[in-house]
């Protein structure tokens, strides 16, 4: 979606982005505009939708069992290859 300005790879970066979004009004408005401008891209590829579906099903089942779903635990559908 072209939103690399919001990708956090660790907790410190996530916190920094969260604080920036909360404190920097111009940055927040730019990110909102970028999201709105690219929203149509979310559902262009069916394999992405299938992967999202699989994640939410797994996350729900894990939460019902009181488990935390880590990235290593997530099993992506076989048809999904990240080829972008």
PDB file of N, CA and C in Angstrom:
ATOM      1  N   UNK A   1       0.813  -1.210   0.000  1.00  0.00           N
ATOM      2  CA  UNK A   1       0.000   0.000   0.000  1.00  0.00           C
ATOM      3  C   UNK A   1       0.847   1.261   0.000  1.00  0.00           C
ATOM      4  N   UNK A   2       2.144   1.117   0.070  1.00  0.00           N
ATOM      5  CA  UNK A   2       2.999   2.295   0.039  1.00  0.00           C
ATOM      6  C   UNK A   2       3.036   3.052   1.347  1.00  0.00           C
ATOM      7  N   UNK A   3       2.908   2.359   2.472  1.00  0.00           N
ATOM      8  CA  UNK A   3       2.902   3.017   3.769  1.00  0.00           C
ATOM      9  C   UNK A   3       4.109   2.617   4.606  1.00  0.00           C
ATOM     10  N   UNK A   4       5.258   2.590   3.981  1.00  0.00           N
ATOM     11  CA  UNK A   4       6.467   2.146   4.680  1.00  0.00           C
ATOM     12  C   UNK A   4       6.831   3.061   5.843  1.00  0.00           C
ATOM     13  N   UNK A   5       6.290   4.281   5.873  1.00  0.00           N
ATOM     14  CA  UNK A   5       6.553   5.191   6.993  1.00  0.00           C
ATOM     15  C   UNK A   5       5.954   4.686   8.293  1.00  0.00           C
ATOM     16  N   UNK A   6       5.076   3.677   8.235  1.00  0.00           N
ATOM     17  CA  UNK A   6       4.421   3.176   9.438  1.00  0.00           C
ATOM     18  C   UNK A   6       4.808   1.738   9.783  1.00  0.00           C
ATOM     19  N   UNK A   7       5.844   1.204   9.176  1.00  0.00           N
ATOM     20  CA  UNK A   7       6.249  -0.165   9.454  1.00  0.00           C
ATOM     21  C   UNK A   7       7.215  -0.171  10.638  1.00  0.00           C
ATOM     22  N   UNK A   8       6.798  -0.851  11.698  1.00  0.00           N
ATOM     23  CA  UNK A   8       7.637  -0.978  12.892  1.00  0.00           C
ATOM     24  C   UNK A   8       8.147  -2.402  12.982  1.00  0.00           C
ATOM     25  N   UNK A   9       9.442  -2.542  13.158  1.00  0.00           N
ATOM     26  CA  UNK A   9      10.031  -3.874  13.239  1.00  0.00           C
ATOM     27  C   UNK A   9      10.353  -4.282  14.677  1.00  0.00           C
ATOM     28  N   UNK A  10      10.151  -3.358  15.615  1.00  0.00           N
ATOM     29  CA  UNK A  10      10.389  -3.687  17.020  1.00  0.00           C
ATOM     30  C   UNK A  10       9.525  -2.770  17.881  1.00  0.00           C
ATOM     31  N   UNK A  11       9.512  -3.040  19.173  1.00  0.00           N
ATOM     32  CA  UNK A  11       8.657  -2.284  20.084  1.00  0.00           C
ATOM     33  C   UNK A  11       9.048  -0.812  20.168  1.00  0.00           C
ATOM     34  N   UNK A  12      10.349  -0.545  20.138  1.00  0.00           N
ATOM     35  CA  UNK A  12      10.814   0.842  20.230  1.00  0.00           C
ATOM     36  C   UNK A  12      10.332   1.669  19.030  1.00  0.00           C
ATOM     37  N   UNK A  13      10.443   1.088  17.843  1.00  0.00           N
ATOM     38  CA  UNK A  13       9.981   1.773  16.635  1.00  0.00           C
ATOM     39  C   UNK A  13       8.473   1.950  16.669  1.00  0.00           C
ATOM     40  N   UNK A  14       7.752   0.922  17.114  1.00  0.00           N
ATOM     41  CA  UNK A  14       6.298   1.022  17.237  1.00  0.00           C
ATOM     42  C   UNK A  14       5.912   2.171  18.162  1.00  0.00           C
ATOM     43  N   UNK A  15       6.572   2.267  19.299  1.00  0.00           N
ATOM     44  CA  UNK A  15       6.303   3.331  20.256  1.00  0.00           C
ATOM     45  C   UNK A  15       6.605   4.697  19.642  1.00  0.00           C
ATOM     46  N   UNK A  16       7.726   4.793  18.927  1.00  0.00           N
ATOM     47  CA  UNK A  16       8.098   6.057  18.284  1.00  0.00           C
ATOM     48  C   UNK A  16       7.039   6.483  17.263  1.00  0.00           C
ATOM     49  N   UNK A  17       6.557   5.525  16.435  1.00  0.00           N
ATOM     50  CA  UNK A  17       5.517   5.836  15.456  1.00  0.00           C
ATOM     51  C   UNK A  17       4.216   6.235  16.137  1.00  0.00           C
ATOM     52  N   UNK A  18       3.872   5.526  17.197  1.00  0.00           N
ATOM     53  CA  UNK A  18       2.639   5.827  17.923  1.00  0.00           C
ATOM     54  C   UNK A  18       2.684   7.239  18.489  1.00  0.00           C
ATOM     55  N   UNK A  19       3.801   7.582  19.108  1.00  0.00           N
ATOM     56  CA  UNK A  19       3.947   8.929  19.662  1.00  0.00           C
ATOM     57  C   UNK A  19       3.935   9.989  18.562  1.00  0.00           C
ATOM     58  N   UNK A  20       4.582   9.697  17.445  1.00  0.00           N
ATOM     59  CA  UNK A  20       4.595  10.670  16.349  1.00  0.00           C
ATOM     60  C   UNK A  20       3.187  10.896  15.799  1.00  0.00           C
ATOM     61  N   UNK A  21       2.439   9.811  15.633  1.00  0.00           N
ATOM     62  CA  UNK A  21       1.055   9.949  15.153  1.00  0.00           C
ATOM     63  C   UNK A  21       0.203  10.740  16.141  1.00  0.00           C
ATOM     64  N   UNK A  22       0.464  10.572  17.426  1.00  0.00           N
ATOM     65  CA  UNK A  22      -0.305  11.278  18.452  1.00  0.00           C
ATOM     66  C   UNK A  22       0.096  12.742  18.576  1.00  0.00           C
ATOM     67  N   UNK A  23       1.356  13.054  18.320  1.00  0.00           N
ATOM     68  CA  UNK A  23       1.861  14.400  18.582  1.00  0.00           C
ATOM     69  C   UNK A  23       2.069  15.257  17.340  1.00  0.00           C
ATOM     70  N   UNK A  24       2.275  14.655  16.192  1.00  0.00           N
ATOM     71  CA  UNK A  24       2.574  15.391  14.962  1.00  0.00           C
ATOM     72  C   UNK A  24       1.334  15.379  14.060  1.00  0.00           C
ATOM     73  N   UNK A  25       0.546  16.424  14.142  1.00  0.00           N
ATOM     74  CA  UNK A  25      -0.730  16.486  13.427  1.00  0.00           C
ATOM     75  C   UNK A  25      -0.523  16.409  11.907  1.00  0.00           C
ATOM     76  N   UNK A  26       0.492  17.082  11.396  1.00  0.00           N
ATOM     77  CA  UNK A  26       0.745  17.050   9.951  1.00  0.00           C
ATOM     78  C   UNK A  26       1.091  15.637   9.477  1.00  0.00           C
ATOM     79  N   UNK A  27       1.941  14.935  10.251  1.00  0.00           N
ATOM     80  CA  UNK A  27       2.304  13.561   9.907  1.00  0.00           C
ATOM     81  C   UNK A  27       1.066  12.666   9.949  1.00  0.00           C
ATOM     82  N   UNK A  28       0.256  12.830  10.979  1.00  0.00           N
ATOM     83  CA  UNK A  28      -0.972  12.027  11.104  1.00  0.00           C
ATOM     84  C   UNK A  28      -1.886  12.252   9.905  1.00  0.00           C
ATOM     85  N   UNK A  29      -2.091  13.498   9.518  1.00  0.00           N
ATOM     86  CA  UNK A  29      -2.963  13.797   8.371  1.00  0.00           C
ATOM     87  C   UNK A  29      -2.376  13.240   7.070  1.00  0.00           C
ATOM     88  N   UNK A  30      -1.046  13.293   6.925  1.00  0.00           N
ATOM     89  CA  UNK A  30      -0.421  12.732   5.730  1.00  0.00           C
ATOM     90  C   UNK A  30      -0.629  11.226   5.679  1.00  0.00           C
ATOM     91  N   UNK A  31      -0.443  10.546   6.813  1.00  0.00           N
ATOM     92  CA  UNK A  31      -0.624   9.094   6.854  1.00  0.00           C
ATOM     93  C   UNK A  31      -2.086   8.723   6.571  1.00  0.00           C
ATOM     94  N   UNK A  32      -3.024   9.483   7.132  1.00  0.00           N
ATOM     95  CA  UNK A  32      -4.446   9.238   6.862  1.00  0.00           C
ATOM     96  C   UNK A  32      -4.767   9.421   5.376  1.00  0.00           C
ATOM     97  N   UNK A  33      -4.213  10.468   4.785  1.00  0.00           N
ATOM     98  CA  UNK A  33      -4.441  10.718   3.354  1.00  0.00           C
ATOM     99  C   UNK A  33      -3.840   9.589   2.514  1.00  0.00           C
ATOM    100  N   UNK A  34      -2.629   9.133   2.885  1.00  0.00           N
ATOM    101  CA  UNK A  34      -1.985   8.035   2.155  1.00  0.00           C
ATOM    102  C   UNK A  34      -2.797   6.748   2.268  1.00  0.00           C
ATOM    103  N   UNK A  35      -3.310   6.473   3.456  1.00  0.00           N
ATOM    104  CA  UNK A  35      -4.137   5.274   3.659  1.00  0.00           C
ATOM    105  C   UNK A  35      -5.387   5.350   2.803  1.00  0.00           C
ATOM    106  N   UNK A  36      -6.077   6.482   2.848  1.00  0.00           N
ATOM    107  CA  UNK A  36      -7.302   6.639   2.049  1.00  0.00           C
ATOM    108  C   UNK A  36      -7.022   6.523   0.553  1.00  0.00           C
ATOM    109  N   UNK A  37      -5.896   7.076   0.116  1.00  0.00           N
ATOM    110  CA  UNK A  37      -5.550   7.048  -1.307  1.00  0.00           C
ATOM    111  C   UNK A  37      -5.193   5.647  -1.785  1.00  0.00           C
ATOM    112  N   UNK A  38      -4.756   4.795  -0.870  1.00  0.00           N
ATOM    113  CA  UNK A  38      -4.306   3.450  -1.253  1.00  0.00           C
ATOM    114  C   UNK A  38      -5.220   2.338  -0.757  1.00  0.00           C
ATOM    115  N   UNK A  39      -6.330   2.697  -0.151  1.00  0.00           N
ATOM    116  CA  UNK A  39      -7.227   1.704   0.434  1.00  0.00           C
ATOM    117  C   UNK A  39      -7.722   0.677  -0.581  1.00  0.00           C
ATOM    118  N   UNK A  40      -7.931   1.107  -1.799  1.00  0.00           N
ATOM    119  CA  UNK A  40      -8.425   0.194  -2.833  1.00  0.00           C
ATOM    120  C   UNK A  40      -7.461  -0.954  -3.113  1.00  0.00           C
ATOM    121  N   UNK A  41      -6.196  -0.786  -2.779  1.00  0.00           N
ATOM    122  CA  UNK A  41      -5.186  -1.814  -3.055  1.00  0.00           C
ATOM    123  C   UNK A  41      -5.287  -3.007  -2.106  1.00  0.00           C
ATOM    124  N   UNK A  42      -5.976  -2.845  -0.993  1.00  0.00           N
ATOM    125  CA  UNK A  42      -6.047  -3.914   0.010  1.00  0.00           C
ATOM    126  C   UNK A  42      -6.648  -5.193  -0.536  1.00  0.00           C
ATOM    127  N   UNK A  43      -7.612  -5.084  -1.421  1.00  0.00           N
ATOM    128  CA  UNK A  43      -8.332  -6.268  -1.861  1.00  0.00           C
ATOM    129  C   UNK A  43      -8.127  -6.586  -3.331  1.00  0.00           C
ATOM    130  N   UNK A  44      -7.062  -6.065  -3.928  1.00  0.00           N
ATOM    131  CA  UNK A  44      -6.781  -6.344  -5.332  1.00  0.00           C
ATOM    132  C   UNK A  44      -6.351  -7.787  -5.549  1.00  0.00           C
ATOM    133  N   UNK A  45      -5.630  -8.351  -4.615  1.00  0.00           N
ATOM    134  CA  UNK A  45      -5.106  -9.709  -4.769  1.00  0.00           C
ATOM    135  C   UNK A  45      -5.833 -10.657  -3.826  1.00  0.00           C
ATOM    136  N   UNK A  46      -6.476 -11.662  -4.405  1.00  0.00           N
ATOM    137  CA  UNK A  46      -7.259 -12.600  -3.597  1.00  0.00           C
ATOM    138  C   UNK A  46      -6.396 -13.350  -2.588  1.00  0.00           C
ATOM    139  N   UNK A  47      -5.136 -13.641  -2.937  1.00  0.00           N
ATOM    140  CA  UNK A  47      -4.287 -14.371  -2.007  1.00  0.00           C
ATOM    141  C   UNK A  47      -4.004 -13.561  -0.741  1.00  0.00           C
ATOM    142  N   UNK A  48      -3.979 -12.243  -0.870  1.00  0.00           N
ATOM    143  CA  UNK A  48      -3.786 -11.394   0.303  1.00  0.00           C
ATOM    144  C   UNK A  48      -5.015 -11.478   1.203  1.00  0.00           C
ATOM    145  N   UNK A  49      -6.195 -11.446   0.600  1.00  0.00           N
ATOM    146  CA  UNK A  49      -7.432 -11.558   1.359  1.00  0.00           C
ATOM    147  C   UNK A  49      -7.490 -12.911   2.061  1.00  0.00           C
ATOM    148  N   UNK A  50      -7.096 -13.984   1.358  1.00  0.00           N
ATOM    149  CA  UNK A  50      -7.085 -15.325   1.961  1.00  0.00           C
ATOM    150  C   UNK A  50      -6.110 -15.375   3.139  1.00  0.00           C
ATOM    151  N   UNK A  51      -4.954 -14.743   2.987  1.00  0.00           N
ATOM    152  CA  UNK A  51      -3.986 -14.726   4.076  1.00  0.00           C
ATOM    153  C   UNK A  51      -4.536 -13.969   5.279  1.00  0.00           C
ATOM    154  N   UNK A  52      -5.183 -12.843   5.034  1.00  0.00           N
ATOM    155  CA  UNK A  52      -5.789 -12.090   6.129  1.00  0.00           C
ATOM    156  C   UNK A  52      -6.855 -12.931   6.825  1.00  0.00           C
ATOM    157  N   UNK A  53      -7.672 -13.608   6.045  1.00  0.00           N
ATOM    158  CA  UNK A  53      -8.715 -14.467   6.594  1.00  0.00           C
ATOM    159  C   UNK A  53      -8.099 -15.556   7.481  1.00  0.00           C
ATOM    160  N   UNK A  54      -7.057 -16.208   6.980  1.00  0.00           N
ATOM    161  CA  UNK A  54      -6.401 -17.269   7.742  1.00  0.00           C
ATOM    162  C   UNK A  54      -5.822 -16.724   9.043  1.00  0.00           C
ATOM    163  N   UNK A  55      -5.225 -15.536   8.978  1.00  0.00           N
ATOM    164  CA  UNK A  55      -4.662 -14.937  10.185  1.00  0.00           C
ATOM    165  C   UNK A  55      -5.749 -14.682  11.216  1.00  0.00           C
ATOM    166  N   UNK A  56      -6.858 -14.071  10.799  1.00  0.00           N
ATOM    167  CA  UNK A  56      -7.906 -13.739  11.762  1.00  0.00           C
ATOM    168  C   UNK A  56      -8.539 -14.992  12.363  1.00  0.00           C
ATOM    169  N   UNK A  57      -8.694 -16.037  11.580  1.00  0.00           N
ATOM    170  CA  UNK A  57      -9.231 -17.295  12.109  1.00  0.00           C
ATOM    171  C   UNK A  57      -8.265 -17.863  13.142  1.00  0.00           C
ATOM    172  N   UNK A  58      -6.973 -17.902  12.807  1.00  0.00           N
ATOM    173  CA  UNK A  58      -5.976 -18.426  13.746  1.00  0.00           C
ATOM    174  C   UNK A  58      -5.883 -17.568  15.001  1.00  0.00           C
ATOM    175  N   UNK A  59      -5.914 -16.255  14.833  1.00  0.00           N
ATOM    176  CA  UNK A  59      -5.821 -15.350  15.981  1.00  0.00           C
ATOM    177  C   UNK A  59      -7.018 -15.537  16.905  1.00  0.00           C
ATOM    178  N   UNK A  60      -8.201 -15.687  16.326  1.00  0.00           N
ATOM    179  CA  UNK A  60      -9.406 -15.893  17.135  1.00  0.00           C
ATOM    180  C   UNK A  60      -9.312 -17.211  17.913  1.00  0.00           C
ATOM    181  N   UNK A  61      -8.942 -18.282  17.222  1.00  0.00           N
ATOM    182  CA  UNK A  61      -8.836 -19.584  17.886  1.00  0.00           C
ATOM    183  C   UNK A  61      -7.788 -19.540  19.002  1.00  0.00           C
ATOM    184  N   UNK A  62      -6.672 -18.882  18.748  1.00  0.00           N
ATOM    185  CA  UNK A  62      -5.625 -18.766  19.762  1.00  0.00           C
ATOM    186  C   UNK A  62      -6.124 -17.984  20.969  1.00  0.00           C
ATOM    187  N   UNK A  63      -6.857 -16.899  20.711  1.00  0.00           N
ATOM    188  CA  UNK A  63      -7.355 -16.087  21.823  1.00  0.00           C
ATOM    189  C   UNK A  63      -8.368 -16.859  22.659  1.00  0.00           C
ATOM    190  N   UNK A  64      -9.165 -17.716  22.028  1.00  0.00           N
ATOM    191  CA  UNK A  64     -10.133 -18.525  22.759  1.00  0.00           C
ATOM    192  C   UNK A  64      -9.439 -19.532  23.680  1.00  0.00           C
ATOM    193  N   UNK A  65      -8.225 -19.936  23.297  1.00  0.00           N
ATOM    194  CA  UNK A  65      -7.444 -20.874  24.108  1.00  0.00           C
ATOM    195  C   UNK A  65      -6.516 -20.150  25.082  1.00  0.00           C
ATOM    196  N   UNK A  66      -6.544 -18.806  25.048  1.00  0.00           N
ATOM    197  CA  UNK A  66      -5.686 -18.017  25.923  1.00  0.00           C
ATOM    198  C   UNK A  66      -4.243 -17.980  25.466  1.00  0.00           C
ATOM    199  N   UNK A  67      -4.019 -18.222  24.175  1.00  0.00           N
ATOM    200  CA  UNK A  67      -2.666 -18.236  23.624  1.00  0.00           C
ATOM    201  C   UNK A  67      -2.369 -16.935  22.901  1.00  0.00           C
ATOM    202  N   UNK A  68      -1.087 -16.600  22.826  1.00  0.00           N
ATOM    203  CA  UNK A  68      -0.646 -15.442  22.057  1.00  0.00           C
ATOM    204  C   UNK A  68      -0.105 -15.957  20.735  1.00  0.00           C
ATOM    205  N   UNK A  69      -0.616 -15.436  19.635  1.00  0.00           N
ATOM    206  CA  UNK A  69      -0.195 -15.867  18.303  1.00  0.00           C
ATOM    207  C   UNK A  69       1.016 -15.052  17.872  1.00  0.00           C
ATOM    208  N   UNK A  70       2.158 -15.716  17.733  1.00  0.00           N
ATOM    209  CA  UNK A  70       3.380 -15.073  17.260  1.00  0.00           C
ATOM    210  C   UNK A  70       3.496 -15.264  15.755  1.00  0.00           C
ATOM    211  N   UNK A  71       4.309 -14.445  15.117  1.00  0.00           N
ATOM    212  CA  UNK A  71       4.496 -14.561  13.671  1.00  0.00           C
ATOM    213  C   UNK A  71       4.989 -15.949  13.281  1.00  0.00           C
ATOM    214  N   UNK A  72       5.858 -16.538  14.121  1.00  0.00           N
ATOM    215  CA  UNK A  72       6.387 -17.872  13.823  1.00  0.00           C
ATOM    216  C   UNK A  72       5.283 -18.931  13.871  1.00  0.00           C
ATOM    217  N   UNK A  73       4.224 -18.669  14.654  1.00  0.00           N
ATOM    218  CA  UNK A  73       3.128 -19.628  14.813  1.00  0.00           C
ATOM    219  C   UNK A  73       2.129 -19.554  13.667  1.00  0.00           C
ATOM    220  N   UNK A  74       2.122 -18.457  12.957  1.00  0.00           N
ATOM    221  CA  UNK A  74       1.118 -18.238  11.912  1.00  0.00           C
ATOM    222  C   UNK A  74       1.423 -19.090  10.692  1.00  0.00           C
ATOM    223  N   UNK A  75       0.450 -19.869  10.295  1.00  0.00           N
ATOM    224  CA  UNK A  75       0.600 -20.722   9.117  1.00  0.00           C
ATOM    225  C   UNK A  75      -0.126 -20.075   7.953  1.00  0.00           C
ATOM    226  N   UNK A  76       0.631 -19.591   6.992  1.00  0.00           N
ATOM    227  CA  UNK A  76       0.050 -18.927   5.828  1.00  0.00           C
ATOM    228  C   UNK A  76      -0.517 -19.959   4.874  1.00  0.00           C
ATOM    229  N   UNK A  77      -1.580 -19.591   4.168  1.00  0.00           N
ATOM    230  CA  UNK A  77      -2.116 -20.510   3.154  1.00  0.00           C
ATOM    231  C   UNK A  77      -1.034 -20.856   2.135  1.00  0.00           C
ATOM    232  N   UNK A  78      -1.022 -22.084   1.664  1.00  0.00           N
ATOM    233  CA  UNK A  78       0.019 -22.535   0.729  1.00  0.00           C
ATOM    234  C   UNK A  78       0.058 -21.726  -0.556  1.00  0.00           C
ATOM    235  N   UNK A  79      -1.088 -21.239  -1.004  1.00  0.00           N
ATOM    236  CA  UNK A  79      -1.132 -20.517  -2.274  1.00  0.00           C
ATOM    237  C   UNK A  79      -0.553 -19.114  -2.185  1.00  0.00           C
ATOM    238  N   UNK A  80      -0.283 -18.647  -0.975  1.00  0.00           N
ATOM    239  CA  UNK A  80       0.196 -17.283  -0.808  1.00  0.00           C
ATOM    240  C   UNK A  80       1.720 -17.239  -0.854  1.00  0.00           C
ATOM    241  N   UNK A  81       2.220 -16.613  -1.881  1.00  0.00           N
ATOM    242  CA  UNK A  81       3.650 -16.355  -1.999  1.00  0.00           C
ATOM    243  C   UNK A  81       3.832 -14.860  -2.076  1.00  0.00           C
ATOM    244  N   UNK A  82       4.690 -14.332  -1.280  1.00  0.00           N
ATOM    245  CA  UNK A  82       4.902 -12.878  -1.269  1.00  0.00           C
ATOM    246  C   UNK A  82       5.802 -12.524  -2.444  1.00  0.00           C
ATOM    247  N   UNK A  83       5.192 -12.239  -3.571  1.00  0.00           N
ATOM    248  CA  UNK A  83       5.962 -11.994  -4.790  1.00  0.00           C
ATOM    249  C   UNK A  83       5.849 -10.570  -5.287  1.00  0.00           C
ATOM    250  N   UNK A  84       5.664  -9.649  -4.361  1.00  0.00           N
ATOM    251  CA  UNK A  84       5.570  -8.261  -4.803  1.00  0.00           C
ATOM    252  C   UNK A  84       6.930  -7.635  -4.798  1.00  0.00           C
TER     253      UNK A  84
END
